[in-house]
Amino acid sequence: MQKVNLLGYTVNDLENLMQELGQRRFKGRQLFNWLYAQRQPDFSEMSDISKSARSVLTEKYCFTGLTAERISRSSDGTEKYLFRLDDGKLIEAVMIPDERKRTVCISSQVGCSLGCLFCATGKIGFGRNLTPGEIVGQLLFLRQRFGDSAFQNIVFMGMGEPLLNYENVLKAISIITSEIGLAVTARKITISTAGVVPKILTLADSDIKVRLAISLHAATDDKRGRLMPIARAYNLERLMDAAKYFALKRKRRITFEYILFEGFNDSAQDIKALSKLIRGIPCKINILAYNPVAGFPFRRPSEKKVNEFGRLLYPRAPAVTVRKSRGIDIDAACGQLAGKYQQ
């Protein structure tokens, strides 16, 4: 008989399970803590759970995480992890260190259905949604590798559109933020979306107090539509209305991600259009040079051009950060490694 993997089970799930095994519900909380906080997969070592329950758990259940099929390390310290799932499909996660903290970028789907014309994940196409366990499993792998201080910030900016796997992402976040689980505060978690407007509004009205980042990349409907097919379903007016609603409802500014493509969205006219677009929305703008993907038509602008764009934008926007590209030498852009590995 194949054992049931408890990876991805929430506190409530494990409380129900322990009750089914004839135990009191609070034993599910103890089991949850053993699995996620203490990272103990051996039921026989769980001293505060009865021997009879441990015996049944050992016989019928397991707690099996993800293992990395390949790890690539950049000269700048960035690490990229390629995971092969039980069905053979591939996903990625990226660890980005800086002087004070480490940020992990995790996947929410196998591939992506949105087909953004600059993104290697879109080129792969959509495979399926990740389960809550497969989402959390990326983080547990890193905790196992680096310890409890493996990362400080989590960004759903890897493979896939997290708001199109909304329920599983939120279930994973409940495990990640639980004080007896991974114990990461919600303000350290950012969900990045290409602009799924209805789900932005739903997230704003939810009790999940995560941060929001929106992949913008162009300040006119024409240019954004040429980059991102989703822009044809949700134009900039609807997207900005949703962004403003989220920021005001949460009383927290949102982040607009703006990748610069040489000769496409990096002109003075683009700065003027962008500053007008975000007027009245509590926000900050992250500027980043395009991370080249083989076979795509876009070019990476010079560092001087990127810095100049940020300098000219700042007086017109409430906050602007020019982000340094990381992991270029290890194909750290989303989907690059998985795409090459599949080929």
C-alpha atoms as a PDB file:
ATOM      1  CA  MET A   1       0.000   0.000   0.000  1.00  0.00           C
ATOM      2  CA  GLN A   2       1.386   3.401  -1.003  1.00  0.00           C
ATOM      3  CA  LYS A   3       1.778   5.735   1.934  1.00  0.00           C
ATOM      4  CA  VAL A   4       0.013   9.111   2.010  1.00  0.00           C
ATOM      5  CA  ASN A   5       2.434  12.050   1.998  1.00  0.00           C
ATOM      6  CA  LEU A   6       1.453  14.619   4.644  1.00  0.00           C
ATOM      7  CA  LEU A   7       3.497  17.379   2.978  1.00  0.00           C
ATOM      8  CA  GLY A   8       1.064  20.258   2.435  1.00  0.00           C
ATOM      9  CA  TYR A   9      -1.355  19.262   5.208  1.00  0.00           C
ATOM     10  CA  THR A  10      -2.456  22.281   7.258  1.00  0.00           C
ATOM     11  CA  VAL A  11      -3.015  22.423  11.015  1.00  0.00           C
ATOM     12  CA  ASN A  12      -6.718  21.747  10.484  1.00  0.00           C
ATOM     13  CA  ASP A  13      -5.972  18.820   8.161  1.00  0.00           C
ATOM     14  CA  LEU A  14      -3.711  17.200  10.750  1.00  0.00           C
ATOM     15  CA  GLU A  15      -6.150  17.879  13.587  1.00  0.00           C
ATOM     16  CA  ASN A  16      -8.801  16.028  11.595  1.00  0.00           C
ATOM     17  CA  LEU A  17      -6.382  13.194  10.877  1.00  0.00           C
ATOM     18  CA  MET A  18      -5.419  12.717  14.494  1.00  0.00           C
ATOM     19  CA  GLN A  19      -9.073  12.747  15.468  1.00  0.00           C
ATOM     20  CA  GLU A  20      -9.708  10.000  12.915  1.00  0.00           C
ATOM     21  CA  LEU A  21      -6.916   8.007  14.572  1.00  0.00           C
ATOM     22  CA  GLY A  22      -8.712   8.255  17.910  1.00  0.00           C
ATOM     23  CA  GLN A  23      -6.503  11.027  19.253  1.00  0.00           C
ATOM     24  CA  ARG A  24      -7.468  14.423  20.660  1.00  0.00           C
ATOM     25  CA  ARG A  25      -7.478  17.238  18.084  1.00  0.00           C
ATOM     26  CA  PHE A  26      -4.629  19.186  19.672  1.00  0.00           C
ATOM     27  CA  LYS A  27      -2.336  16.281  18.805  1.00  0.00           C
ATOM     28  CA  GLY A  28      -2.634  17.452  15.215  1.00  0.00           C
ATOM     29  CA  ARG A  29      -0.973  20.723  16.197  1.00  0.00           C
ATOM     30  CA  GLN A  30       1.879  18.822  17.783  1.00  0.00           C
ATOM     31  CA  LEU A  31       2.271  16.715  14.655  1.00  0.00           C
ATOM     32  CA  PHE A  32       2.223  19.888  12.497  1.00  0.00           C
ATOM     33  CA  ASN A  33       5.001  21.398  14.606  1.00  0.00           C
ATOM     34  CA  TRP A  34       7.144  18.271  14.339  1.00  0.00           C
ATOM     35  CA  LEU A  35       6.811  18.162  10.566  1.00  0.00           C
ATOM     36  CA  TYR A  36       7.200  21.817   9.596  1.00  0.00           C
ATOM     37  CA  ALA A  37       8.991  23.619  12.436  1.00  0.00           C
ATOM     38  CA  GLN A  38      11.285  20.850  13.631  1.00  0.00           C
ATOM     39  CA  ARG A  39      11.492  19.204  10.192  1.00  0.00           C
ATOM     40  CA  GLN A  40      11.250  15.755  11.726  1.00  0.00           C
ATOM     41  CA  PRO A  41       9.836  13.245   9.196  1.00  0.00           C
ATOM     42  CA  ASP A  42      10.305  10.193  11.452  1.00  0.00           C
ATOM     43  CA  PHE A  43       7.059   9.629  13.346  1.00  0.00           C
ATOM     44  CA  SER A  44       8.795   7.298  15.815  1.00  0.00           C
ATOM     45  CA  GLU A  45      10.821  10.274  17.125  1.00  0.00           C
ATOM     46  CA  MET A  46       7.734  12.318  18.058  1.00  0.00           C
ATOM     47  CA  SER A  47       7.840  11.833  21.810  1.00  0.00           C
ATOM     48  CA  ASP A  48       4.622  13.668  22.712  1.00  0.00           C
ATOM     49  CA  ILE A  49       2.470  11.526  20.390  1.00  0.00           C
ATOM     50  CA  SER A  50       1.219   8.155  21.644  1.00  0.00           C
ATOM     51  CA  LYS A  51       2.963   4.964  20.534  1.00  0.00           C
ATOM     52  CA  SER A  52      -0.234   3.639  18.966  1.00  0.00           C
ATOM     53  CA  ALA A  53      -0.679   6.784  16.866  1.00  0.00           C
ATOM     54  CA  ARG A  54       2.987   6.755  15.885  1.00  0.00           C
ATOM     55  CA  SER A  55       2.635   3.161  14.780  1.00  0.00           C
ATOM     56  CA  VAL A  56      -0.332   3.937  12.509  1.00  0.00           C
ATOM     57  CA  LEU A  57       1.365   7.049  11.120  1.00  0.00           C
ATOM     58  CA  THR A  58       4.488   5.048  10.307  1.00  0.00           C
ATOM     59  CA  GLU A  59       2.439   2.326   8.619  1.00  0.00           C
ATOM     60  CA  LYS A  60       0.170   4.514   6.494  1.00  0.00           C
ATOM     61  CA  TYR A  61       1.774   7.947   6.148  1.00  0.00           C
ATOM     62  CA  CYS A  62       5.047   9.682   5.305  1.00  0.00           C
ATOM     63  CA  PHE A  63       6.444  13.201   5.098  1.00  0.00           C
ATOM     64  CA  THR A  64       8.579  13.394   1.981  1.00  0.00           C
ATOM     65  CA  GLY A  65       9.904  16.727   0.743  1.00  0.00           C
ATOM     66  CA  LEU A  66      11.486  17.882  -2.505  1.00  0.00           C
ATOM     67  CA  THR A  67      15.035  17.123  -3.553  1.00  0.00           C
ATOM     68  CA  ALA A  68      17.004  19.223  -6.008  1.00  0.00           C
ATOM     69  CA  GLU A  69      17.938  17.486  -9.236  1.00  0.00           C
ATOM     70  CA  ARG A  70      20.376  20.253 -10.007  1.00  0.00           C
ATOM     71  CA  ILE A  71      21.838  23.228  -8.117  1.00  0.00           C
ATOM     72  CA  SER A  72      23.560  26.067  -9.991  1.00  0.00           C
ATOM     73  CA  ARG A  73      25.585  28.717  -8.183  1.00  0.00           C
ATOM     74  CA  SER A  74      26.356  32.130  -9.662  1.00  0.00           C
ATOM     75  CA  SER A  75      29.532  34.129  -9.167  1.00  0.00           C
ATOM     76  CA  ASP A  76      27.389  36.681  -7.284  1.00  0.00           C
ATOM     77  CA  GLY A  77      26.186  34.078  -4.754  1.00  0.00           C
ATOM     78  CA  THR A  78      22.756  33.494  -6.275  1.00  0.00           C
ATOM     79  CA  GLU A  79      21.699  29.833  -6.280  1.00  0.00           C
ATOM     80  CA  LYS A  80      19.099  28.242  -8.533  1.00  0.00           C
ATOM     81  CA  TYR A  81      17.441  24.923  -7.709  1.00  0.00           C
ATOM     82  CA  LEU A  82      15.810  22.598 -10.204  1.00  0.00           C
ATOM     83  CA  PHE A  83      13.280  20.225  -8.626  1.00  0.00           C
ATOM     84  CA  ARG A  84      11.796  17.183 -10.349  1.00  0.00           C
ATOM     85  CA  LEU A  85       8.335  16.417  -8.970  1.00  0.00           C
ATOM     86  CA  ASP A  86       6.786  12.992  -8.463  1.00  0.00           C
ATOM     87  CA  ASP A  87       5.205  13.070 -11.923  1.00  0.00           C
ATOM     88  CA  GLY A  88       8.516  14.011 -13.552  1.00  0.00           C
ATOM     89  CA  LYS A  89       7.683  17.673 -14.132  1.00  0.00           C
ATOM     90  CA  LEU A  90      10.253  20.380 -13.376  1.00  0.00           C
ATOM     91  CA  ILE A  91      10.061  23.560 -11.304  1.00  0.00           C
ATOM     92  CA  GLU A  92      12.608  26.095 -10.083  1.00  0.00           C
ATOM     93  CA  ALA A  93      13.423  28.207  -7.056  1.00  0.00           C
ATOM     94  CA  VAL A  94      16.110  30.883  -6.709  1.00  0.00           C
ATOM     95  CA  MET A  95      17.951  32.055  -3.583  1.00  0.00           C
ATOM     96  CA  ILE A  96      19.194  35.651  -3.820  1.00  0.00           C
ATOM     97  CA  PRO A  97      21.557  36.809  -1.054  1.00  0.00           C
ATOM     98  CA  ASP A  98      22.564  40.335  -0.185  1.00  0.00           C
ATOM     99  CA  GLU A  99      24.451  41.889   2.711  1.00  0.00           C
ATOM    100  CA  ARG A 100      21.610  41.723   5.232  1.00  0.00           C
ATOM    101  CA  LYS A 101      19.135  39.085   4.117  1.00  0.00           C
ATOM    102  CA  ARG A 102      18.331  36.318   1.683  1.00  0.00           C
ATOM    103  CA  THR A 103      15.279  36.330  -0.541  1.00  0.00           C
ATOM    104  CA  VAL A 104      13.879  33.141  -2.054  1.00  0.00           C
ATOM    105  CA  CYS A 105      11.863  33.233  -5.257  1.00  0.00           C
ATOM    106  CA  ILE A 106       9.525  30.233  -5.487  1.00  0.00           C
ATOM    107  CA  SER A 107       7.253  28.682  -8.107  1.00  0.00           C
ATOM    108  CA  SER A 108       3.485  28.249  -7.899  1.00  0.00           C
ATOM    109  CA  GLN A 109       2.861  26.381 -11.168  1.00  0.00           C
ATOM    110  CA  VAL A 110       4.621  24.035 -13.539  1.00  0.00           C
ATOM    111  CA  GLY A 111       5.216  26.397 -16.446  1.00  0.00           C
ATOM    112  CA  CYS A 112       2.747  29.197 -17.104  1.00  0.00           C
ATOM    113  CA  SER A 113      -0.274  29.794 -19.325  1.00  0.00           C
ATOM    114  CA  LEU A 114       0.130  33.560 -19.769  1.00  0.00           C
ATOM    115  CA  GLY A 115       2.754  33.500 -22.517  1.00  0.00           C
ATOM    116  CA  CYS A 116       4.540  36.782 -21.779  1.00  0.00           C
ATOM    117  CA  LEU A 117       6.820  37.337 -24.757  1.00  0.00           C
ATOM    118  CA  PHE A 118       9.994  37.919 -22.725  1.00  0.00           C
ATOM    119  CA  CYS A 119       9.634  35.066 -20.234  1.00  0.00           C
ATOM    120  CA  ALA A 120      11.228  31.625 -20.585  1.00  0.00           C
ATOM    121  CA  THR A 121       8.506  30.065 -18.410  1.00  0.00           C
ATOM    122  CA  GLY A 122       5.844  31.218 -20.864  1.00  0.00           C
ATOM    123  CA  LYS A 123       7.795  29.510 -23.624  1.00  0.00           C
ATOM    124  CA  ILE A 124       7.548  26.215 -21.711  1.00  0.00           C
ATOM    125  CA  GLY A 125       3.751  26.472 -21.549  1.00  0.00           C
ATOM    126  CA  PHE A 126       1.431  25.444 -18.746  1.00  0.00           C
ATOM    127  CA  GLY A 127       1.805  22.046 -17.089  1.00  0.00           C
ATOM    128  CA  ARG A 128      -0.328  22.155 -13.953  1.00  0.00           C
ATOM    129  CA  ASN A 129      -0.834  23.937 -10.642  1.00  0.00           C
ATOM    130  CA  LEU A 130       1.498  23.057  -7.810  1.00  0.00           C
ATOM    131  CA  THR A 131      -0.008  21.504  -4.700  1.00  0.00           C
ATOM    132  CA  PRO A 132       0.392  23.291  -1.357  1.00  0.00           C
ATOM    133  CA  GLY A 133       2.981  20.662  -0.448  1.00  0.00           C
ATOM    134  CA  GLU A 134       5.038  21.289  -3.572  1.00  0.00           C
ATOM    135  CA  ILE A 135       5.023  25.026  -2.831  1.00  0.00           C
ATOM    136  CA  VAL A 136       6.023  24.617   0.822  1.00  0.00           C
ATOM    137  CA  GLY A 137       8.461  21.859  -0.120  1.00  0.00           C
ATOM    138  CA  GLN A 138      10.704  24.370  -1.921  1.00  0.00           C
ATOM    139  CA  LEU A 139      11.107  26.292   1.337  1.00  0.00           C
ATOM    140  CA  LEU A 140      11.610  23.208   3.486  1.00  0.00           C
ATOM    141  CA  PHE A 141      14.402  22.123   1.168  1.00  0.00           C
ATOM    142  CA  LEU A 142      16.164  25.442   1.766  1.00  0.00           C
ATOM    143  CA  ARG A 143      15.625  25.233   5.528  1.00  0.00           C
ATOM    144  CA  GLN A 144      17.123  21.751   5.447  1.00  0.00           C
ATOM    145  CA  ARG A 145      20.077  23.081   3.440  1.00  0.00           C
ATOM    146  CA  PHE A 146      20.757  26.326   5.330  1.00  0.00           C
ATOM    147  CA  GLY A 147      18.900  26.055   8.661  1.00  0.00           C
ATOM    148  CA  ASP A 148      16.109  28.143  10.161  1.00  0.00           C
ATOM    149  CA  SER A 149      17.668  31.398   8.927  1.00  0.00           C
ATOM    150  CA  ALA A 150      17.865  30.142   5.337  1.00  0.00           C
ATOM    151  CA  PHE A 151      15.783  33.073   4.050  1.00  0.00           C
ATOM    152  CA  GLN A 152      14.087  36.189   5.359  1.00  0.00           C
ATOM    153  CA  ASN A 153      11.845  37.122   2.432  1.00  0.00           C
ATOM    154  CA  ILE A 154       9.682  34.970   0.155  1.00  0.00           C
ATOM    155  CA  VAL A 155       8.548  36.071  -3.289  1.00  0.00           C
ATOM    156  CA  PHE A 156       6.027  34.183  -5.424  1.00  0.00           C
ATOM    157  CA  MET A 157       7.838  35.266  -8.563  1.00  0.00           C
ATOM    158  CA  GLY A 158       9.145  31.949  -9.883  1.00  0.00           C
ATOM    159  CA  MET A 159       7.457  29.774 -12.468  1.00  0.00           C
ATOM    160  CA  GLY A 160       3.744  30.377 -12.890  1.00  0.00           C
ATOM    161  CA  GLU A 161       1.090  32.972 -12.069  1.00  0.00           C
ATOM    162  CA  PRO A 162       0.285  32.567  -8.347  1.00  0.00           C
ATOM    163  CA  LEU A 163      -3.149  34.191  -8.586  1.00  0.00           C
ATOM    164  CA  LEU A 164      -4.198  31.493 -11.068  1.00  0.00           C
ATOM    165  CA  ASN A 165      -3.413  28.906  -8.370  1.00  0.00           C
ATOM    166  CA  TYR A 166      -5.071  31.011  -5.716  1.00  0.00           C
ATOM    167  CA  GLU A 167      -6.457  28.393  -3.302  1.00  0.00           C
ATOM    168  CA  ASN A 168      -3.293  26.286  -3.194  1.00  0.00           C
ATOM    169  CA  VAL A 169      -1.078  29.351  -2.780  1.00  0.00           C
ATOM    170  CA  LEU A 170      -3.165  30.589   0.142  1.00  0.00           C
ATOM    171  CA  LYS A 171      -3.152  27.145   1.741  1.00  0.00           C
ATOM    172  CA  ALA A 172       0.636  27.058   1.431  1.00  0.00           C
ATOM    173  CA  ILE A 173       0.870  30.553   2.937  1.00  0.00           C
ATOM    174  CA  SER A 174      -1.167  29.401   5.945  1.00  0.00           C
ATOM    175  CA  ILE A 175       1.528  26.775   6.603  1.00  0.00           C
ATOM    176  CA  ILE A 176       4.367  29.221   5.951  1.00  0.00           C
ATOM    177  CA  THR A 177       2.990  31.896   8.305  1.00  0.00           C
ATOM    178  CA  SER A 178       1.836  29.582  11.105  1.00  0.00           C
ATOM    179  CA  GLU A 179       3.700  30.229  14.357  1.00  0.00           C
ATOM    180  CA  ILE A 180       4.059  26.469  14.806  1.00  0.00           C
ATOM    181  CA  GLY A 181       4.989  25.983  11.154  1.00  0.00           C
ATOM    182  CA  LEU A 182       7.607  27.919   9.200  1.00  0.00           C
ATOM    183  CA  ALA A 183       6.782  31.052  11.248  1.00  0.00           C
ATOM    184  CA  VAL A 184       7.413  33.591   8.462  1.00  0.00           C
ATOM    185  CA  THR A 185       5.373  36.756   8.945  1.00  0.00           C
ATOM    186  CA  ALA A 186       3.007  37.667   6.109  1.00  0.00           C
ATOM    187  CA  ARG A 187       4.705  41.045   5.592  1.00  0.00           C
ATOM    188  CA  LYS A 188       7.808  39.132   4.500  1.00  0.00           C
ATOM    189  CA  ILE A 189       5.867  37.411   1.704  1.00  0.00           C
ATOM    190  CA  THR A 190       5.175  39.022  -1.667  1.00  0.00           C
ATOM    191  CA  ILE A 191       2.811  37.685  -4.303  1.00  0.00           C
ATOM    192  CA  SER A 192       3.810  38.864  -7.761  1.00  0.00           C
ATOM    193  CA  THR A 193       1.148  38.870 -10.461  1.00  0.00           C
ATOM    194  CA  ALA A 194       1.044  39.667 -14.150  1.00  0.00           C
ATOM    195  CA  GLY A 195      -2.264  41.404 -13.449  1.00  0.00           C
ATOM    196  CA  VAL A 196      -5.125  38.991 -12.742  1.00  0.00           C
ATOM    197  CA  VAL A 197      -7.485  41.787 -11.728  1.00  0.00           C
ATOM    198  CA  PRO A 198     -10.349  39.779 -10.134  1.00  0.00           C
ATOM    199  CA  LYS A 199      -7.950  37.892  -7.878  1.00  0.00           C
ATOM    200  CA  ILE A 200      -6.133  41.097  -6.878  1.00  0.00           C
ATOM    201  CA  LEU A 201      -9.462  42.359  -5.571  1.00  0.00           C
ATOM    202  CA  THR A 202     -10.185  39.041  -3.842  1.00  0.00           C
ATOM    203  CA  LEU A 203      -6.750  39.066  -2.199  1.00  0.00           C
ATOM    204  CA  ALA A 204      -7.288  42.650  -1.036  1.00  0.00           C
ATOM    205  CA  ASP A 205     -10.478  41.588   0.735  1.00  0.00           C
ATOM    206  CA  SER A 206      -8.919  38.479   2.308  1.00  0.00           C
ATOM    207  CA  ASP A 207      -7.308  38.068   5.715  1.00  0.00           C
ATOM    208  CA  ILE A 208      -3.944  37.145   4.154  1.00  0.00           C
ATOM    209  CA  LYS A 209      -1.790  40.221   4.799  1.00  0.00           C
ATOM    210  CA  VAL A 210       0.887  39.591   2.198  1.00  0.00           C
ATOM    211  CA  ARG A 211       2.502  42.211  -0.007  1.00  0.00           C
ATOM    212  CA  LEU A 212       1.589  42.624  -3.672  1.00  0.00           C
ATOM    213  CA  ALA A 213       3.832  43.204  -6.676  1.00  0.00           C
ATOM    214  CA  ILE A 214       2.479  43.776 -10.177  1.00  0.00           C
ATOM    215  CA  SER A 215       4.526  43.060 -13.297  1.00  0.00           C
ATOM    216  CA  LEU A 216       3.893  46.221 -15.276  1.00  0.00           C
ATOM    217  CA  HIS A 217       6.770  46.616 -17.798  1.00  0.00           C
ATOM    218  CA  ALA A 218       4.938  49.174 -19.959  1.00  0.00           C
ATOM    219  CA  ALA A 219       2.820  52.247 -19.304  1.00  0.00           C
ATOM    220  CA  THR A 220       0.496  52.107 -22.324  1.00  0.00           C
ATOM    221  CA  ASP A 221      -2.017  49.450 -23.311  1.00  0.00           C
ATOM    222  CA  ASP A 222      -0.436  49.123 -26.739  1.00  0.00           C
ATOM    223  CA  LYS A 223       3.059  48.349 -25.486  1.00  0.00           C
ATOM    224  CA  ARG A 224       1.903  46.203 -22.580  1.00  0.00           C
ATOM    225  CA  GLY A 225      -0.351  44.216 -24.891  1.00  0.00           C
ATOM    226  CA  ARG A 226       2.614  43.492 -27.150  1.00  0.00           C
ATOM    227  CA  LEU A 227       4.576  42.140 -24.170  1.00  0.00           C
ATOM    228  CA  MET A 228       1.881  40.421 -22.112  1.00  0.00           C
ATOM    229  CA  PRO A 229      -1.234  38.789 -23.611  1.00  0.00           C
ATOM    230  CA  ILE A 230      -3.054  39.145 -20.266  1.00  0.00           C
ATOM    231  CA  ALA A 231      -3.144  42.904 -20.914  1.00  0.00           C
ATOM    232  CA  ARG A 232      -5.778  42.278 -23.575  1.00  0.00           C
ATOM    233  CA  ALA A 233      -8.117  40.874 -20.924  1.00  0.00           C
ATOM    234  CA  TYR A 234      -7.342  43.440 -18.223  1.00  0.00           C
ATOM    235  CA  ASN A 235      -6.341  46.849 -19.540  1.00  0.00           C
ATOM    236  CA  LEU A 236      -4.281  49.353 -17.575  1.00  0.00           C
ATOM    237  CA  GLU A 237      -7.303  51.292 -16.344  1.00  0.00           C
ATOM    238  CA  ARG A 238      -8.768  48.181 -14.693  1.00  0.00           C
ATOM    239  CA  LEU A 239      -5.358  47.108 -13.414  1.00  0.00           C
ATOM    240  CA  MET A 240      -4.581  50.504 -11.853  1.00  0.00           C
ATOM    241  CA  ASP A 241      -8.024  50.623 -10.238  1.00  0.00           C
ATOM    242  CA  ALA A 242      -7.354  47.196  -8.667  1.00  0.00           C
ATOM    243  CA  ALA A 243      -3.876  48.251  -7.573  1.00  0.00           C
ATOM    244  CA  LYS A 244      -5.203  51.396  -5.928  1.00  0.00           C
ATOM    245  CA  TYR A 245      -7.975  49.421  -4.211  1.00  0.00           C
ATOM    246  CA  PHE A 246      -5.438  46.955  -2.809  1.00  0.00           C
ATOM    247  CA  ALA A 247      -3.084  49.679  -1.577  1.00  0.00           C
ATOM    248  CA  LEU A 248      -5.823  51.714   0.097  1.00  0.00           C
ATOM    249  CA  LYS A 249      -7.616  48.669   1.557  1.00  0.00           C
ATOM    250  CA  ARG A 250      -4.396  47.328   3.064  1.00  0.00           C
ATOM    251  CA  LYS A 251      -2.959  50.769   3.899  1.00  0.00           C
ATOM    252  CA  ARG A 252       0.298  49.569   2.384  1.00  0.00           C
ATOM    253  CA  ARG A 253       1.976  50.543  -0.826  1.00  0.00           C
ATOM    254  CA  ILE A 254       2.314  48.026  -3.616  1.00  0.00           C
ATOM    255  CA  THR A 255       5.282  47.389  -5.901  1.00  0.00           C
ATOM    256  CA  PHE A 256       5.305  47.790  -9.660  1.00  0.00           C
ATOM    257  CA  GLU A 257       7.971  45.717 -11.397  1.00  0.00           C
ATOM    258  CA  TYR A 258       9.266  47.395 -14.552  1.00  0.00           C
ATOM    259  CA  ILE A 259      11.758  45.507 -16.721  1.00  0.00           C
ATOM    260  CA  LEU A 260      13.630  47.716 -19.173  1.00  0.00           C
ATOM    261  CA  PHE A 261      14.002  46.488 -22.748  1.00  0.00           C
ATOM    262  CA  GLU A 262      16.476  48.342 -24.933  1.00  0.00           C
ATOM    263  CA  GLY A 263      14.663  50.665 -27.343  1.00  0.00           C
ATOM    264  CA  PHE A 264      11.178  49.514 -26.341  1.00  0.00           C
ATOM    265  CA  ASN A 265      10.095  50.992 -22.989  1.00  0.00           C
ATOM    266  CA  ASP A 266      13.088  53.045 -21.853  1.00  0.00           C
ATOM    267  CA  SER A 267      12.519  56.469 -23.397  1.00  0.00           C
ATOM    268  CA  ALA A 268      11.638  59.854 -21.892  1.00  0.00           C
ATOM    269  CA  GLN A 269       8.093  59.374 -23.216  1.00  0.00           C
ATOM    270  CA  ASP A 270       7.891  56.087 -21.287  1.00  0.00           C
ATOM    271  CA  ILE A 271       8.966  57.844 -18.089  1.00  0.00           C
ATOM    272  CA  LYS A 272       6.274  60.477 -18.591  1.00  0.00           C
ATOM    273  CA  ALA A 273       3.588  57.841 -19.289  1.00  0.00           C
ATOM    274  CA  LEU A 274       4.648  55.716 -16.298  1.00  0.00           C
ATOM    275  CA  SER A 275       4.649  58.612 -13.851  1.00  0.00           C
ATOM    276  CA  LYS A 276       1.175  59.624 -15.028  1.00  0.00           C
ATOM    277  CA  LEU A 277      -0.114  56.065 -14.824  1.00  0.00           C
ATOM    278  CA  ILE A 278       0.793  55.473 -11.169  1.00  0.00           C
ATOM    279  CA  ARG A 279      -0.231  58.927  -9.926  1.00  0.00           C
ATOM    280  CA  GLY A 280      -2.356  58.664  -6.787  1.00  0.00           C
ATOM    281  CA  ILE A 281      -1.429  55.039  -6.064  1.00  0.00           C
ATOM    282  CA  PRO A 282       0.705  54.400  -2.940  1.00  0.00           C
ATOM    283  CA  CYS A 283       3.522  52.454  -4.552  1.00  0.00           C
ATOM    284  CA  LYS A 284       7.171  51.949  -5.279  1.00  0.00           C
ATOM    285  CA  ILE A 285       8.677  51.038  -8.640  1.00  0.00           C
ATOM    286  CA  ASN A 286      11.420  48.459  -9.088  1.00  0.00           C
ATOM    287  CA  ILE A 287      13.474  49.040 -12.230  1.00  0.00           C
ATOM    288  CA  LEU A 288      15.375  46.060 -13.606  1.00  0.00           C
ATOM    289  CA  ALA A 289      17.321  45.442 -16.797  1.00  0.00           C
ATOM    290  CA  TYR A 290      16.055  42.603 -18.968  1.00  0.00           C
ATOM    291  CA  ASN A 291      17.724  39.275 -18.206  1.00  0.00           C
ATOM    292  CA  PRO A 292      18.375  37.906 -21.719  1.00  0.00           C
ATOM    293  CA  VAL A 293      16.695  34.689 -22.854  1.00  0.00           C
ATOM    294  CA  ALA A 294      18.050  32.869 -25.901  1.00  0.00           C
ATOM    295  CA  GLY A 295      15.740  33.062 -28.913  1.00  0.00           C
ATOM    296  CA  PHE A 296      13.809  36.111 -27.675  1.00  0.00           C
ATOM    297  CA  PRO A 297      13.970  39.407 -29.638  1.00  0.00           C
ATOM    298  CA  PHE A 298      14.549  41.792 -26.734  1.00  0.00           C
ATOM    299  CA  ARG A 299      17.890  43.330 -25.801  1.00  0.00           C
ATOM    300  CA  ARG A 300      19.333  44.264 -22.440  1.00  0.00           C
ATOM    301  CA  PRO A 301      19.940  48.017 -21.950  1.00  0.00           C
ATOM    302  CA  SER A 302      23.224  49.299 -20.575  1.00  0.00           C
ATOM    303  CA  GLU A 303      23.684  49.814 -16.853  1.00  0.00           C
ATOM    304  CA  LYS A 304      24.062  53.535 -17.538  1.00  0.00           C
ATOM    305  CA  LYS A 305      20.686  53.589 -19.326  1.00  0.00           C
ATOM    306  CA  VAL A 306      18.974  51.753 -16.465  1.00  0.00           C
ATOM    307  CA  ASN A 307      20.402  54.092 -13.827  1.00  0.00           C
ATOM    308  CA  GLU A 308      19.448  57.144 -15.895  1.00  0.00           C
ATOM    309  CA  PHE A 309      15.881  55.874 -16.273  1.00  0.00           C
ATOM    310  CA  GLY A 310      15.592  55.445 -12.504  1.00  0.00           C
ATOM    311  CA  ARG A 311      17.126  58.853 -11.814  1.00  0.00           C
ATOM    312  CA  LEU A 312      14.704  60.654 -14.132  1.00  0.00           C
ATOM    313  CA  LEU A 313      11.694  58.711 -12.871  1.00  0.00           C
ATOM    314  CA  TYR A 314      12.274  59.249  -9.152  1.00  0.00           C
ATOM    315  CA  PRO A 315      11.099  62.850  -8.828  1.00  0.00           C
ATOM    316  CA  ARG A 316       7.861  61.849 -10.554  1.00  0.00           C
ATOM    317  CA  ALA A 317       7.235  58.646  -8.577  1.00  0.00           C
ATOM    318  CA  PRO A 318       7.018  58.237  -4.772  1.00  0.00           C
ATOM    319  CA  ALA A 319       9.798  55.627  -4.572  1.00  0.00           C
ATOM    320  CA  VAL A 320      12.079  54.091  -7.190  1.00  0.00           C
ATOM    321  CA  THR A 321      14.622  51.290  -6.761  1.00  0.00           C
ATOM    322  CA  VAL A 322      17.054  50.217  -9.452  1.00  0.00           C
ATOM    323  CA  ARG A 323      17.618  46.515  -8.853  1.00  0.00           C
ATOM    324  CA  LYS A 324      20.803  44.769  -9.859  1.00  0.00           C
ATOM    325  CA  SER A 325      20.360  41.723 -12.082  1.00  0.00           C
ATOM    326  CA  ARG A 326      21.430  38.536 -10.349  1.00  0.00           C
ATOM    327  CA  GLY A 327      22.491  35.100 -11.528  1.00  0.00           C
ATOM    328  CA  ILE A 328      22.832  35.918 -15.228  1.00  0.00           C
ATOM    329  CA  ASP A 329      25.632  33.361 -15.567  1.00  0.00           C
ATOM    330  CA  ILE A 330      23.414  30.523 -14.293  1.00  0.00           C
ATOM    331  CA  ASP A 331      20.237  31.278 -16.289  1.00  0.00           C
ATOM    332  CA  ALA A 332      18.509  32.624 -13.182  1.00  0.00           C
ATOM    333  CA  ALA A 333      15.676  34.251 -15.116  1.00  0.00           C
ATOM    334  CA  CYS A 334      12.404  32.440 -14.511  1.00  0.00           C
ATOM    335  CA  GLY A 335      12.073  29.229 -16.499  1.00  0.00           C
ATOM    336  CA  GLN A 336      15.464  29.325 -18.224  1.00  0.00           C
ATOM    337  CA  LEU A 337      16.998  26.349 -16.443  1.00  0.00           C
ATOM    338  CA  ALA A 338      13.885  24.172 -16.590  1.00  0.00           C
ATOM    339  CA  GLY A 339      13.418  24.944 -20.270  1.00  0.00           C
ATOM    340  CA  LYS A 340      16.979  23.989 -21.143  1.00  0.00           C
ATOM    341  CA  TYR A 341      16.835  20.882 -18.971  1.00  0.00           C
ATOM    342  CA  GLN A 342      13.628  19.672 -20.624  1.00  0.00           C
ATOM    343  CA  GLN A 343      15.211  20.104 -24.049  1.00  0.00           C
END
